[in-house]
Amino acid sequence: MAETAKPQDAAPKGSKTPLLAGLGLALALGAGGFVATYADPLGLLSAPTSGRAADTGLRAAGAHAYLPLDTLVISLSGRSEARHLRFTAQLEVPQEHLAEVTRMTPRILDVLNVYLRALSAHEIEEPAALLRLRGQMLRRVQIVTGPGLVNDLLVTEFVLN
C-alpha cells in the first residue's frame, strides 16, 4: 500500500481524420440530395402532361363566373351611432352551375339577411370582423346551395351608416 496515486495525464488525443471525413461525407450527401431534387435528372418528380391535358387544367381553373347579389340594407340592433349596414357581394360560381345558383338567389339573400340582422353594431365594428363575417356568410351560402356550387363570397360593399 505504499504506492501513491500518480495523477493521470490527459487522455492521448486521437486523430481528427474520422471527424473531418464524416463532415465531408455529410456535406457531399446533402449537396447530392439538393441537386437530385432540384435538377430531377431521372424525371421522377415531374409527371408527363400532354398539351391537351394542360389546356384543360388551365380552362378548369379559370372557368368560373361571378354572380352579383342585390344590395342589402340591414337595420342593426344595439345602441350605436351606426344604425344601418349597406352590404353588397358577389358569389364566385363554377360556370356550369351558374344557372342553378341563380335560381337559388332568393334563398341566398334570405340567409344573408337573417344572419346580418342578428348581428349588433359593435360586432361589425371590430377590426377583424369582416374576415370573420365573410367566412360565416360563405359557409351559410354553401349550406343553402349545396356542396361545390359556390367557391367564394366576395364582399364588394360593406358600409355602416
Protein backbone atom coordinates (compact mmCIF):
# COMPACT_ATOMS: atom_id res chain seq x y z
CA MET A 1 0.00 0.00 0.00
CA ALA A 2 2.96 2.17 -0.29
CA GLU A 3 2.06 3.06 -3.83
CA THR A 4 0.94 6.61 -4.25
CA ALA A 5 -1.57 7.55 -6.84
CA LYS A 6 0.03 9.46 -9.65
CA PRO A 7 -2.16 11.95 -11.41
CA GLN A 8 -3.18 10.65 -14.79
CA ASP A 9 -2.21 12.79 -17.73
CA ALA A 10 -4.96 13.79 -20.10
CA ALA A 11 -6.05 11.06 -22.47
CA PRO A 12 -3.98 10.92 -25.62
CA LYS A 13 -5.52 12.98 -28.40
CA GLY A 14 -6.96 11.00 -31.25
CA SER A 15 -6.76 11.74 -34.92
CA LYS A 16 -9.16 14.29 -36.44
CA THR A 17 -9.33 12.37 -39.68
CA PRO A 18 -12.58 10.47 -38.90
CA LEU A 19 -14.29 13.68 -37.83
CA LEU A 20 -13.28 15.52 -40.99
CA ALA A 21 -14.22 12.53 -43.15
CA GLY A 22 -17.68 12.38 -41.54
CA LEU A 23 -18.22 16.11 -42.04
CA GLY A 24 -17.11 15.91 -45.68
CA LEU A 25 -19.39 12.92 -46.30
CA ALA A 26 -22.36 14.75 -44.75
CA LEU A 27 -21.76 17.80 -46.93
CA ALA A 28 -21.39 15.67 -50.06
CA LEU A 29 -24.62 13.77 -49.36
CA GLY A 30 -26.51 17.00 -48.62
CA ALA A 31 -25.31 18.60 -51.84
CA GLY A 32 -26.15 15.46 -53.80
CA GLY A 33 -29.66 15.38 -52.36
CA PHE A 34 -30.20 19.02 -53.25
CA VAL A 35 -29.03 18.52 -56.82
CA ALA A 36 -31.18 15.40 -57.20
CA THR A 37 -34.35 17.17 -56.11
CA TYR A 38 -33.66 20.48 -57.83
CA ALA A 39 -32.50 19.16 -61.20
CA ASP A 40 -34.65 15.98 -61.22
CA PRO A 41 -32.21 14.11 -63.51
CA LEU A 42 -34.35 10.95 -63.65
CA GLY A 43 -37.64 12.77 -64.29
CA LEU A 44 -39.32 11.22 -61.26
CA LEU A 45 -40.79 14.39 -59.78
CA SER A 46 -42.50 15.80 -62.86
CA ALA A 47 -45.48 13.99 -64.26
CA PRO A 48 -45.64 13.96 -68.03
CA THR A 49 -48.56 16.02 -69.34
CA SER A 50 -49.78 16.31 -72.83
CA GLY A 51 -50.67 19.68 -74.27
CA ARG A 52 -54.35 18.79 -74.23
CA ALA A 53 -54.35 17.89 -70.52
CA ALA A 54 -52.51 21.10 -69.66
CA ASP A 55 -55.05 23.20 -71.60
CA THR A 56 -57.95 21.51 -69.82
CA GLY A 57 -56.39 22.25 -66.45
CA LEU A 58 -55.96 25.91 -67.32
CA ARG A 59 -59.51 26.25 -68.55
CA ALA A 60 -60.89 24.49 -65.49
CA ALA A 61 -59.04 26.85 -63.18
CA GLY A 62 -60.48 29.94 -64.88
CA ALA A 63 -63.95 28.56 -65.63
CA HIS A 64 -65.91 30.48 -63.04
CA ALA A 65 -68.41 33.29 -63.10
CA TYR A 66 -69.35 35.99 -60.65
CA LEU A 67 -72.99 36.25 -59.66
CA PRO A 68 -73.80 39.70 -58.24
CA LEU A 69 -76.22 39.73 -55.34
CA ASP A 70 -78.71 42.52 -54.67
CA THR A 71 -77.67 45.20 -52.20
CA LEU A 72 -78.96 44.58 -48.70
CA VAL A 73 -79.68 47.41 -46.29
CA ILE A 74 -79.83 45.99 -42.78
CA SER A 75 -81.05 47.84 -39.71
CA LEU A 76 -78.75 46.98 -36.83
CA SER A 77 -79.70 46.34 -33.24
CA GLY A 78 -77.96 47.90 -30.28
CA ARG A 79 -77.23 51.42 -29.14
CA SER A 80 -74.66 52.67 -31.57
CA GLU A 81 -74.30 55.63 -33.88
CA ALA A 82 -74.34 53.30 -36.88
CA ARG A 83 -77.89 52.18 -37.45
CA HIS A 84 -77.75 50.66 -40.94
CA LEU A 85 -75.43 48.36 -42.83
CA ARG A 86 -75.26 48.54 -46.61
CA PHE A 87 -73.98 45.21 -47.91
CA THR A 88 -73.26 44.08 -51.47
CA ALA A 89 -71.48 40.89 -52.52
CA GLN A 90 -70.78 38.61 -55.45
CA LEU A 91 -70.60 34.83 -55.49
CA GLU A 92 -67.82 33.00 -57.33
CA VAL A 93 -69.55 30.09 -59.02
CA PRO A 94 -68.28 27.42 -61.44
CA GLN A 95 -69.55 28.31 -64.93
CA GLU A 96 -71.55 25.09 -65.28
CA HIS A 97 -73.53 25.79 -62.06
CA LEU A 98 -74.33 29.44 -62.70
CA ALA A 99 -77.96 28.90 -63.73
CA GLU A 100 -78.63 26.63 -60.75
CA VAL A 101 -77.18 29.11 -58.24
CA THR A 102 -79.03 32.00 -59.93
CA ARG A 103 -82.32 30.20 -59.28
CA MET A 104 -81.38 29.97 -55.58
CA THR A 105 -80.64 33.71 -55.23
CA PRO A 106 -83.77 34.44 -53.12
CA ARG A 107 -82.76 31.76 -50.58
CA ILE A 108 -79.19 33.08 -50.52
CA LEU A 109 -80.38 36.64 -49.90
CA ASP A 110 -82.70 35.38 -47.16
CA VAL A 111 -79.96 33.54 -45.28
CA LEU A 112 -77.61 36.54 -45.56
CA ASN A 113 -80.32 38.94 -44.42
CA VAL A 114 -81.22 36.80 -41.39
CA TYR A 115 -77.56 36.39 -40.40
CA LEU A 116 -76.70 40.08 -40.75
CA ARG A 117 -79.81 41.20 -38.84
CA ALA A 118 -78.78 39.03 -35.89
CA LEU A 119 -75.52 40.99 -35.53
CA SER A 120 -75.12 44.06 -33.40
CA ALA A 121 -73.20 47.15 -34.45
CA HIS A 122 -70.29 46.56 -32.08
CA GLU A 123 -69.73 43.07 -33.59
CA ILE A 124 -69.37 44.64 -37.03
CA GLU A 125 -67.10 47.48 -35.90
CA GLU A 126 -64.31 45.16 -34.69
CA PRO A 127 -61.11 45.34 -36.80
CA ALA A 128 -61.18 41.67 -37.93
CA ALA A 129 -64.97 41.50 -38.18
CA LEU A 130 -65.17 41.49 -41.97
CA LEU A 131 -62.98 38.39 -42.31
CA ARG A 132 -64.99 36.52 -39.69
CA LEU A 133 -68.34 37.63 -41.16
CA ARG A 134 -67.27 36.73 -44.67
CA GLY A 135 -66.37 33.21 -43.59
CA GLN A 136 -69.66 32.80 -41.73
CA MET A 137 -71.70 34.07 -44.68
CA LEU A 138 -69.84 31.87 -47.17
CA ARG A 139 -70.49 28.81 -45.01
CA ARG A 140 -74.20 29.62 -44.80
CA VAL A 141 -74.43 30.18 -48.57
CA GLN A 142 -72.67 26.85 -49.21
CA ILE A 143 -75.15 25.09 -46.93
CA VAL A 144 -78.08 26.60 -48.84
CA THR A 145 -76.70 25.88 -52.31
CA GLY A 146 -75.09 22.53 -51.64
CA PRO A 147 -71.51 21.30 -51.91
CA GLY A 148 -69.36 22.51 -54.80
CA LEU A 149 -71.75 25.12 -56.18
CA VAL A 150 -70.24 28.26 -54.61
CA ASN A 151 -66.46 28.71 -54.37
CA ASP A 152 -66.24 32.07 -52.66
CA LEU A 153 -68.16 35.11 -51.45
CA LEU A 154 -66.62 38.42 -52.42
CA VAL A 155 -67.72 41.46 -50.40
CA THR A 156 -67.92 44.49 -52.70
CA GLU A 157 -69.63 46.94 -50.33
CA PHE A 158 -69.75 46.98 -46.53
CA VAL A 159 -70.77 50.40 -45.23
CA LEU A 160 -72.08 51.36 -41.78
CA ASN A 161 -74.33 54.45 -41.70
